[in-house]
């Protein structure tokens, strides 16, 4: 077909709202079009056509129904340079009236359809415009950039008084860590996950010939040259933790369990990592009859005083009667405050069973790693209860971990001069819950306690600490 004739046909298709119909939708992209789940995430490696699939569905609904839709991303700048380019040039078409009749992309606030449909565009870095209105369909590009609070806020923006089956949240992303809140939301069933693959993209893969196109060969060659976690996520579409993770045996499917699966505990221990500007963490661990440890409660908070922490620790003690609370030894004054009797209004309360923790990082990390490794029966010796977090701290900066479960994939080894993980010392970041966990494990496993006191044959902890711990255990009948 002559180029001029083809151009005329494309312009006519745009005018009639059929420009996007030239795409061959396959796999997850095709399944998305008919899926009516209230929340859908289409995820996969780079270049599979995820954004086009979501935008095609949005455009089709706007063309054939009278809806109010939203196209959003974490920031408006990134949306303008990515999602809106795809929307105007590949889905709607640059000559479609909704594109032509309006300001340029950079200044665009909405796209108006002849049938009365409207598609609003916004960045969540300036949420005022979207939080004061309602929508039928919402599309979020690169949804892993959002925090769970932002996602939940967006879900409150659906139009009321209409059939719930017609409102829908569409989102796409490349995979992130396997503990990322959005992936966990999908595993819980709250969000439907559609897995996109490179073969879904007709520009890269010729389905009739079952081979890569020339463009596909070149693109896949670039992805094959990636290394580490970037290759796992962008080439293979796998949800995996950060490169150089300290606890690389960690698996949410293996180590995270529902509260209903918790066994009867033989006793409980608690651990404390101090913090104010950075999060402070109080954890309670149950130990079953086989010596396995279970994180059953965690308080992860910033800007809390020692009085608040002591009150919270007392409440935890009244629930779990933990035999010891092993604390970051960097604050002996706080430990003394824990051990002092009484609270305001309750002066008769006994002191908390607080002791300085063993703080040898290397030995403590080794002890945690040993517990994460499955034993002969296929089960590890450390678990985290999925709902252990008491409540989310609203003062935490967006994008930072909300509790130890979200710290773990970001807790990584420091890099050496060659840019490789040294596996000698973890980076001093994303470690507040990790430190509290290490204190608890070291205490239960007697790490740092001399062999003569029943512990590992390693550098000795101070004898007063050892004797106090043994006295505390005898007091509560734990051998």
Protein backbone atom coordinates (compact mmCIF):
# COMPACT_ATOMS: atom_id res chain seq x y z
CA UNK A 1 0.00 0.00 0.00
CA UNK A 2 1.40 3.43 -0.90
CA UNK A 3 2.56 5.46 2.09
CA UNK A 4 0.07 8.26 1.40
CA UNK A 5 -2.86 5.86 1.31
CA UNK A 6 -1.73 4.14 4.51
CA UNK A 7 -1.42 7.53 6.19
CA UNK A 8 -4.99 8.42 5.19
CA UNK A 9 -6.29 5.13 6.59
CA UNK A 10 -4.48 5.63 9.90
CA UNK A 11 -5.86 9.16 10.24
CA UNK A 12 -9.37 7.89 9.56
CA UNK A 13 -8.87 5.11 12.13
CA UNK A 14 -7.75 7.72 14.68
CA UNK A 15 -10.76 9.87 13.97
CA UNK A 16 -13.06 6.90 14.51
CA UNK A 17 -11.24 5.82 17.67
CA UNK A 18 -9.80 2.68 16.07
CA UNK A 19 -6.11 3.60 16.01
CA UNK A 20 -5.25 1.21 18.86
CA UNK A 21 -7.09 -1.68 17.18
CA UNK A 22 -4.13 -2.24 14.88
CA UNK A 23 -2.31 -3.86 17.81
CA UNK A 24 -2.39 -7.61 18.16
CA UNK A 25 -3.05 -8.19 21.84
CA UNK A 26 -1.75 -11.48 23.21
CA UNK A 27 -1.32 -13.31 26.48
CA UNK A 28 -1.69 -11.11 29.55
CA UNK A 29 -2.42 -8.05 27.38
CA UNK A 30 -5.39 -9.82 25.82
CA UNK A 31 -6.60 -11.30 29.11
CA UNK A 32 -6.60 -7.83 30.66
CA UNK A 33 -9.22 -6.57 28.19
CA UNK A 34 -11.97 -8.87 29.45
CA UNK A 35 -10.91 -9.24 33.10
CA UNK A 36 -13.43 -7.57 35.42
CA UNK A 37 -11.53 -7.86 38.72
CA UNK A 38 -11.71 -4.61 40.72
CA UNK A 39 -7.89 -4.38 40.97
CA UNK A 40 -5.56 -5.76 38.29
CA UNK A 41 -1.78 -5.58 38.13
CA UNK A 42 -0.11 -6.59 34.88
CA UNK A 43 3.54 -7.24 35.69
CA UNK A 44 6.48 -8.63 33.78
CA UNK A 45 9.92 -7.91 32.36
CA UNK A 46 10.81 -4.81 30.38
CA UNK A 47 9.33 -4.39 26.91
CA UNK A 48 6.34 -6.73 27.06
CA UNK A 49 3.71 -4.08 26.22
CA UNK A 50 2.19 -3.76 29.70
CA UNK A 51 1.43 -0.03 29.50
CA UNK A 52 -0.09 -0.31 26.01
CA UNK A 53 -2.40 -3.09 27.21
CA UNK A 54 -3.76 -1.00 30.09
CA UNK A 55 -4.08 2.16 28.03
CA UNK A 56 -5.87 0.35 25.20
CA UNK A 57 -8.46 -0.89 27.66
CA UNK A 58 -8.91 2.61 29.09
CA UNK A 59 -9.25 4.14 25.61
CA UNK A 60 -11.78 1.52 24.51
CA UNK A 61 -13.97 2.15 27.53
CA UNK A 62 -13.73 5.94 27.08
CA UNK A 63 -14.67 5.57 23.42
CA UNK A 64 -17.69 3.29 23.93
CA UNK A 65 -18.97 4.36 27.35
CA UNK A 66 -19.29 7.71 29.06
CA UNK A 67 -16.70 7.42 31.83
CA UNK A 68 -14.36 9.53 33.89
CA UNK A 69 -10.89 7.99 33.95
CA UNK A 70 -7.51 8.74 35.48
CA UNK A 71 -3.98 8.15 34.20
CA UNK A 72 -1.49 8.55 37.06
CA UNK A 73 2.08 7.88 38.11
CA UNK A 74 4.16 8.69 41.18
CA UNK A 75 5.30 12.01 39.67
CA UNK A 76 3.75 14.12 36.94
CA UNK A 77 7.13 14.67 35.24
CA UNK A 78 7.73 10.93 34.78
CA UNK A 79 4.14 10.45 33.56
CA UNK A 80 4.51 13.19 30.93
CA UNK A 81 7.72 11.65 29.55
CA UNK A 82 6.53 8.04 29.57
CA UNK A 83 2.85 7.13 29.95
CA UNK A 84 1.45 10.12 28.08
CA UNK A 85 3.86 9.56 25.17
CA UNK A 86 2.55 6.01 24.84
CA UNK A 87 -1.04 7.21 25.24
CA UNK A 88 -0.89 9.90 22.56
CA UNK A 89 1.46 8.35 20.02
CA UNK A 90 0.73 4.62 20.25
CA UNK A 91 -2.78 4.19 21.65
CA UNK A 92 -5.06 7.16 20.87
CA UNK A 93 -3.02 8.50 17.95
CA UNK A 94 -1.46 11.96 17.49
CA UNK A 95 -4.25 13.09 15.14
CA UNK A 96 -7.19 11.96 17.26
CA UNK A 97 -9.45 14.87 18.29
CA UNK A 98 -8.87 14.24 22.02
CA UNK A 99 -5.16 14.87 21.43
CA UNK A 100 -5.45 17.65 18.87
CA UNK A 101 -8.11 19.59 20.78
CA UNK A 102 -6.18 20.58 23.85
CA UNK A 103 -2.89 21.89 25.21
CA UNK A 104 0.44 20.21 24.62
CA UNK A 105 1.28 17.09 26.59
CA UNK A 106 3.36 18.91 29.20
CA UNK A 107 0.46 21.19 30.14
CA UNK A 108 -2.36 18.71 29.63
CA UNK A 109 -4.73 18.14 32.56
CA UNK A 110 -7.40 16.05 30.82
CA UNK A 111 -8.46 14.52 27.49
CA UNK A 112 -12.06 15.22 26.44
CA UNK A 113 -14.03 12.77 24.26
CA UNK A 114 -16.94 13.72 22.02
CA UNK A 115 -19.24 11.33 23.89
CA UNK A 116 -18.60 13.13 27.18
CA UNK A 117 -15.87 10.85 28.52
CA UNK A 118 -12.96 12.53 30.26
CA UNK A 119 -9.51 11.15 31.08
CA UNK A 120 -7.70 13.13 33.77
CA UNK A 121 -3.89 12.96 34.06
CA UNK A 122 -2.03 13.60 37.30
CA UNK A 123 1.05 12.83 39.34
CA UNK A 124 0.57 11.51 42.86
CA UNK A 125 3.22 14.00 44.00
CA UNK A 126 0.40 16.57 43.76
CA UNK A 127 -2.69 14.61 44.78
CA UNK A 128 -5.02 17.56 45.40
CA UNK A 129 -6.72 17.32 42.00
CA UNK A 130 -7.48 13.62 42.18
CA UNK A 131 -8.46 13.42 45.85
CA UNK A 132 -11.31 15.87 45.28
CA UNK A 133 -12.96 13.98 42.43
CA UNK A 134 -14.20 10.50 41.52
CA UNK A 135 -13.43 8.08 38.67
CA UNK A 136 -14.77 4.98 36.97
CA UNK A 137 -11.41 3.63 35.77
CA UNK A 138 -7.97 4.41 37.19
CA UNK A 139 -4.68 3.44 35.57
CA UNK A 140 -1.39 3.68 37.51
CA UNK A 141 1.87 3.31 35.63
CA UNK A 142 4.88 1.74 37.41
CA UNK A 143 2.82 0.99 40.49
CA UNK A 144 5.81 -0.26 42.53
CA UNK A 145 6.83 3.39 42.88
CA UNK A 146 3.83 3.91 45.19
CA UNK A 147 3.55 3.17 48.87
CA UNK A 148 0.58 1.15 50.14
CA UNK A 149 -1.01 4.25 51.66
CA UNK A 150 -0.99 5.97 48.26
CA UNK A 151 -2.53 2.92 46.60
CA UNK A 152 -5.26 2.71 49.20
CA UNK A 153 -5.95 6.44 48.90
CA UNK A 154 -6.42 6.04 45.15
CA UNK A 155 -8.91 3.20 45.69
CA UNK A 156 -11.17 5.62 47.60
CA UNK A 157 -11.58 7.73 44.47
CA UNK A 158 -14.01 5.46 42.63
CA UNK A 159 -17.36 6.96 41.75
CA UNK A 160 -20.12 6.19 44.20
CA UNK A 161 -23.66 5.29 43.29
CA UNK A 162 -22.70 3.19 40.25
CA UNK A 163 -22.44 -0.52 39.61
CA UNK A 164 -19.24 -1.61 41.38
CA UNK A 165 -18.50 -4.05 38.56
CA UNK A 166 -17.86 -1.09 36.22
CA UNK A 167 -15.17 0.54 38.38
CA UNK A 168 -11.65 -0.77 38.01
CA UNK A 169 -8.08 -0.03 39.04
CA UNK A 170 -5.51 -1.00 36.38
CA UNK A 171 -1.78 -0.92 37.08
CA UNK A 172 1.47 -2.12 35.58
CA UNK A 173 5.05 -2.53 36.73
CA UNK A 174 8.32 -4.35 36.35
CA UNK A 175 8.86 -6.79 39.24
CA UNK A 176 10.53 -5.65 42.45
CA UNK A 177 11.44 -7.56 45.59
CA UNK A 178 9.40 -10.63 46.49
CA UNK A 179 8.51 -8.91 49.77
CA UNK A 180 7.28 -5.73 48.06
CA UNK A 181 3.89 -4.74 49.47
CA UNK A 182 2.23 -4.81 46.03
CA UNK A 183 3.39 -8.35 45.26
CA UNK A 184 2.24 -9.43 48.72
CA UNK A 185 -1.12 -7.77 48.01
CA UNK A 186 -1.39 -9.90 44.88
CA UNK A 187 -0.48 -13.07 46.78
CA UNK A 188 -3.17 -12.26 49.34
CA UNK A 189 -5.78 -12.15 46.56
CA UNK A 190 -6.67 -8.48 47.03
CA UNK A 191 -5.21 -7.63 43.60
CA UNK A 192 -5.33 -9.87 40.52
CA UNK A 193 -1.86 -10.45 39.03
CA UNK A 194 -1.44 -11.01 35.28
CA UNK A 195 2.04 -12.13 34.26
CA UNK A 196 3.26 -10.55 31.01
CA UNK A 197 6.07 -12.07 28.91
CA UNK A 198 8.10 -10.87 25.94
CA UNK A 199 6.23 -13.17 23.61
CA UNK A 200 3.15 -11.02 24.25
CA UNK A 201 4.74 -8.18 22.28
CA UNK A 202 4.25 -8.64 18.48
CA UNK A 203 6.98 -6.08 17.83
CA UNK A 204 9.47 -8.45 19.46
CA UNK A 205 8.04 -11.89 18.71
CA UNK A 206 6.51 -13.38 15.55
CA UNK A 207 3.87 -15.79 16.85
CA UNK A 208 3.17 -17.32 13.42
CA UNK A 209 6.82 -18.22 12.88
CA UNK A 210 7.51 -18.81 16.57
CA UNK A 211 10.67 -16.75 16.47
CA UNK A 212 11.98 -13.36 17.54
CA UNK A 213 11.68 -10.52 15.08
CA UNK A 214 14.89 -8.65 14.14
CA UNK A 215 13.91 -5.98 16.68
CA UNK A 216 13.25 -8.71 19.23
CA UNK A 217 16.65 -10.30 18.69
CA UNK A 218 18.37 -6.98 19.30
CA UNK A 219 16.25 -6.13 22.34
CA UNK A 220 16.63 -9.53 23.99
CA UNK A 221 20.38 -9.38 23.40
CA UNK A 222 20.50 -6.14 25.43
CA UNK A 223 18.49 -7.69 28.25
CA UNK A 224 20.68 -10.81 28.24
CA UNK A 225 23.69 -8.62 28.97
CA UNK A 226 22.20 -7.37 32.23
CA UNK A 227 23.52 -8.89 35.44
CA UNK A 228 22.31 -9.75 38.91
CA UNK A 229 18.93 -8.69 40.20
CA UNK A 230 18.30 -6.35 37.24
CA UNK A 231 18.50 -9.31 34.88
CA UNK A 232 16.22 -11.39 37.08
CA UNK A 233 13.57 -8.66 37.08
CA UNK A 234 13.88 -7.02 33.65
CA UNK A 235 14.82 -10.06 31.56
CA UNK A 236 12.93 -12.86 33.30
CA UNK A 237 10.22 -10.92 35.15
CA UNK A 238 10.98 -12.45 38.54
CA UNK A 239 10.12 -10.87 41.88
CA UNK A 240 13.46 -11.22 43.66
CA UNK A 241 15.29 -9.41 46.45
CA UNK A 242 18.11 -6.93 46.13
CA UNK A 243 21.51 -8.07 44.93
CA UNK A 244 23.78 -8.86 47.86
CA UNK A 245 20.94 -9.57 50.30
CA UNK A 246 22.38 -10.55 53.66
CA UNK A 247 19.69 -13.20 54.18
CA UNK A 248 19.58 -14.69 50.70
CA UNK A 249 17.84 -17.86 51.96
CA UNK A 250 14.82 -15.78 52.90
CA UNK A 251 11.59 -16.73 51.12
CA UNK A 252 8.22 -15.15 51.99
CA UNK A 253 6.44 -18.32 50.88
CA UNK A 254 8.51 -20.36 53.35
CA UNK A 255 9.13 -18.01 56.25
CA UNK A 256 5.93 -15.90 56.46
CA UNK A 257 2.94 -17.67 57.99
CA UNK A 258 -0.61 -16.67 59.00
CA UNK A 259 -1.39 -16.27 62.70
CA UNK A 260 -3.70 -19.29 62.51
CA UNK A 261 -0.66 -21.49 61.84
CA UNK A 262 1.26 -20.41 64.95
CA UNK A 263 1.98 -23.37 67.26
CA UNK A 264 1.77 -23.48 71.03
CA UNK A 265 4.77 -21.59 72.42
CA UNK A 266 7.00 -22.88 75.17
CA UNK A 267 8.09 -19.36 76.09
CA UNK A 268 8.53 -15.85 74.68
CA UNK A 269 11.47 -13.45 74.46
CA UNK A 270 11.48 -9.79 73.41
CA UNK A 271 14.11 -7.62 71.75
CA UNK A 272 14.58 -3.87 71.43
CA UNK A 273 16.49 -1.66 69.01
CA UNK A 274 16.47 1.95 70.17
CA UNK A 275 15.60 4.83 67.85
CA UNK A 276 13.95 8.23 67.66
CA UNK A 277 14.65 9.92 64.31
CA UNK A 278 15.34 6.47 62.92
CA UNK A 279 12.77 3.83 63.84
CA UNK A 280 12.91 2.12 67.20
CA UNK A 281 11.76 -1.50 67.16
CA UNK A 282 10.26 -3.73 69.84
CA UNK A 283 9.74 -7.36 68.86
CA UNK A 284 8.19 -10.32 70.67
CA UNK A 285 9.30 -13.81 69.64
CA UNK A 286 7.64 -17.09 70.55
CA UNK A 287 9.75 -20.24 70.88
CA UNK A 288 7.99 -23.57 70.38
CA UNK A 289 8.81 -26.96 71.81
CA UNK A 290 11.25 -27.69 68.97
CA UNK A 291 13.14 -24.44 69.50
CA UNK A 292 11.75 -22.71 66.41
CA UNK A 293 11.26 -18.95 66.69
CA UNK A 294 8.20 -16.97 65.56
CA UNK A 295 7.90 -13.18 65.37
CA UNK A 296 4.42 -12.63 66.81
CA UNK A 297 4.40 -8.87 67.53
CA UNK A 298 6.39 -5.87 66.34
CA UNK A 299 6.23 -2.15 67.16
CA UNK A 300 8.16 -0.11 64.56
CA UNK A 301 7.94 3.59 65.41
CA UNK A 302 9.76 6.90 65.11
CA UNK A 303 9.81 9.88 67.50
CA UNK A 304 8.75 7.94 70.59
CA UNK A 305 10.15 8.64 74.05
CA UNK A 306 11.58 6.06 76.44
CA UNK A 307 8.39 6.44 78.49
CA UNK A 308 6.30 5.43 75.47
CA UNK A 309 8.53 2.44 74.76
CA UNK A 310 8.43 1.31 78.40
CA UNK A 311 4.63 1.53 78.48
CA UNK A 312 4.42 -0.40 75.20
CA UNK A 313 6.87 -3.03 76.45
CA UNK A 314 4.82 -3.48 79.63
CA UNK A 315 1.67 -4.02 77.60
CA UNK A 316 3.47 -6.61 75.51
CA UNK A 317 4.75 -8.29 78.67
CA UNK A 318 1.23 -8.44 80.12
CA UNK A 319 0.12 -10.27 76.96
CA UNK A 320 3.08 -12.57 76.33
CA UNK A 321 4.96 -12.75 79.66
CA UNK A 322 8.29 -12.80 77.83
CA UNK A 323 11.16 -14.03 80.02
CA UNK A 324 13.66 -11.44 78.83
CA UNK A 325 13.87 -8.31 76.69
CA UNK A 326 17.31 -8.19 75.11
CA UNK A 327 18.17 -4.61 74.22
CA UNK A 328 20.62 -2.68 72.05
CA UNK A 329 23.52 -2.14 74.49
CA UNK A 330 24.25 1.33 73.04
CA UNK A 331 21.79 2.91 75.51
CA UNK A 332 22.49 1.58 79.04
CA UNK A 333 20.37 4.36 80.53
CA UNK A 334 17.32 3.13 78.64
CA UNK A 335 17.96 -0.43 79.81
CA UNK A 336 18.15 0.82 83.39
CA UNK A 337 14.85 2.65 82.88
CA UNK A 338 13.25 -0.60 81.66
CA UNK A 339 14.54 -2.44 84.73
CA UNK A 340 13.27 0.24 87.14
CA UNK A 341 9.90 -0.55 88.68
CA UNK A 342 6.69 1.29 88.01
CA UNK A 343 4.91 3.40 85.45
CA UNK A 344 3.04 6.68 85.94
CA UNK A 345 -0.12 5.71 87.80
CA UNK A 346 1.13 2.14 88.33
CA UNK A 347 4.09 2.43 90.72
CA UNK A 348 3.83 -1.15 91.95
CA UNK A 349 4.67 -2.73 88.61
CA UNK A 350 7.91 -4.73 88.69
CA UNK A 351 10.79 -3.79 86.46
CA UNK A 352 10.98 -5.28 82.98
CA UNK A 353 13.43 -8.19 82.48
CA UNK A 354 15.78 -6.10 80.33
CA UNK A 355 19.36 -7.12 79.51
CA UNK A 356 22.03 -5.74 77.15
CA UNK A 357 22.04 -7.77 73.93
CA UNK A 358 25.04 -9.50 72.43
CA UNK A 359 25.93 -7.13 69.59
CA UNK A 360 28.48 -9.03 67.54
CA UNK A 361 27.12 -8.42 64.04
CA UNK A 362 28.97 -11.19 62.19
CA UNK A 363 28.11 -13.93 64.70
CA UNK A 364 24.55 -12.69 65.07
CA UNK A 365 23.99 -12.66 61.30
CA UNK A 366 25.38 -16.19 61.06
CA UNK A 367 22.94 -17.34 63.74
CA UNK A 368 19.96 -15.82 61.89
CA UNK A 369 21.15 -17.31 58.59
CA UNK A 370 21.38 -20.74 60.21
CA UNK A 371 17.78 -20.47 61.38
CA UNK A 372 16.51 -19.38 57.95
CA UNK A 373 18.03 -22.44 56.26
CA UNK A 374 15.51 -25.33 56.14
CA UNK A 375 16.31 -28.17 58.52
CA UNK A 376 16.19 -31.88 57.64
CA UNK A 377 12.40 -31.83 57.81
CA UNK A 378 12.29 -29.08 55.14
CA UNK A 379 11.18 -26.39 57.58
CA UNK A 380 13.29 -23.43 58.70
CA UNK A 381 13.75 -22.54 62.37
CA UNK A 382 12.58 -18.92 62.10
CA UNK A 383 9.20 -17.60 60.97
CA UNK A 384 7.42 -14.25 60.79
CA UNK A 385 3.70 -13.94 61.47
CA UNK A 386 2.17 -12.07 58.54
CA UNK A 387 0.25 -9.66 60.80
CA UNK A 388 2.92 -9.20 63.48
CA UNK A 389 3.16 -5.44 62.85
CA UNK A 390 1.06 -3.67 65.49
CA UNK A 391 0.33 -0.57 63.39
CA UNK A 392 1.89 1.52 60.62
CA UNK A 393 3.79 4.64 61.72
CA UNK A 394 2.31 7.56 59.78
CA UNK A 395 5.49 9.59 60.36
CA UNK A 396 7.70 7.26 58.33
CA UNK A 397 9.00 8.74 55.10
CA UNK A 398 7.20 7.41 51.99
CA UNK A 399 9.11 4.59 50.36
CA UNK A 400 10.96 3.54 53.53
CA UNK A 401 10.34 0.17 55.21
CA UNK A 402 7.32 0.09 57.51
CA UNK A 403 8.58 -2.89 59.52
CA UNK A 404 11.21 -5.60 59.57
CA UNK A 405 9.53 -7.68 56.86
CA UNK A 406 10.08 -4.80 54.42
CA UNK A 407 13.63 -4.18 55.65
CA UNK A 408 14.83 -7.67 54.84
CA UNK A 409 15.18 -7.45 51.02
CA UNK A 410 16.97 -4.08 51.45
CA UNK A 411 19.38 -5.33 54.11
CA UNK A 412 22.43 -5.91 51.95
CA UNK A 413 26.16 -6.48 52.21
CA UNK A 414 28.53 -3.55 51.79
CA UNK A 415 30.35 -3.48 48.45
CA UNK A 416 34.09 -3.81 48.10
CA UNK A 417 36.40 -1.83 45.82
CA UNK A 418 35.45 -4.15 42.92
CA UNK A 419 31.77 -3.29 43.29
CA UNK A 420 30.91 -6.78 44.55
CA UNK A 421 29.31 -7.64 47.88
CA UNK A 422 32.03 -8.43 50.43
CA UNK A 423 29.79 -10.51 52.73
CA UNK A 424 31.81 -9.18 55.62
CA UNK A 425 29.72 -6.28 56.94
CA UNK A 426 26.12 -5.30 56.13
CA UNK A 427 25.35 -1.75 55.06
CA UNK A 428 24.27 0.27 58.10
CA UNK A 429 20.78 0.99 56.76
CA UNK A 430 17.39 -0.75 56.68
CA UNK A 431 18.52 -2.64 59.75
CA UNK A 432 16.42 -1.54 62.73
CA UNK A 433 14.17 -4.59 62.74
CA UNK A 434 17.07 -6.73 61.52
CA UNK A 435 19.11 -5.71 64.58
CA UNK A 436 16.24 -6.50 66.95
CA UNK A 437 15.86 -9.90 65.30
CA UNK A 438 19.58 -10.55 65.62
CA UNK A 439 19.47 -9.72 69.36
CA UNK A 440 16.61 -12.16 69.91
CA UNK A 441 18.22 -15.00 67.96
CA UNK A 442 21.59 -14.46 69.65
CA UNK A 443 19.90 -14.66 73.03
CA UNK A 444 17.86 -17.80 72.32
CA UNK A 445 20.83 -19.54 70.71
CA UNK A 446 23.29 -18.34 73.39
CA UNK A 447 25.51 -16.67 70.80
CA UNK A 448 28.40 -14.96 72.56
CA UNK A 449 27.93 -17.00 75.72
CA UNK A 450 30.97 -19.17 76.60
CA UNK A 451 30.66 -22.91 76.28
CA UNK A 452 31.02 -23.25 80.06
CA UNK A 453 27.68 -21.43 80.34
CA UNK A 454 25.96 -23.61 77.76
CA UNK A 455 26.52 -21.41 74.74
CA UNK A 456 28.63 -21.36 71.60
CA UNK A 457 32.42 -21.44 72.01
CA UNK A 458 32.91 -17.84 70.86
CA UNK A 459 34.04 -14.58 72.41
CA UNK A 460 32.44 -14.37 75.85
CA UNK A 461 29.75 -11.97 76.87
CA UNK A 462 30.38 -10.22 80.22
CA UNK A 463 29.74 -12.66 83.07
CA UNK A 464 27.12 -10.44 84.80
CA UNK A 465 25.02 -10.51 81.62
CA UNK A 466 25.31 -14.29 81.36
CA UNK A 467 24.41 -14.83 85.01
CA UNK A 468 21.49 -12.40 84.83
CA UNK A 469 20.12 -14.18 81.76
CA UNK A 470 20.37 -17.59 83.39
CA UNK A 471 18.69 -16.27 86.55
CA UNK A 472 15.91 -14.77 84.45
CA UNK A 473 15.29 -18.08 82.71
CA UNK A 474 15.25 -20.01 85.97
CA UNK A 475 12.75 -17.51 87.35
CA UNK A 476 10.30 -18.37 84.56
CA UNK A 477 11.02 -22.10 84.52
CA UNK A 478 12.91 -22.13 81.19
CA UNK A 479 16.03 -24.28 81.00
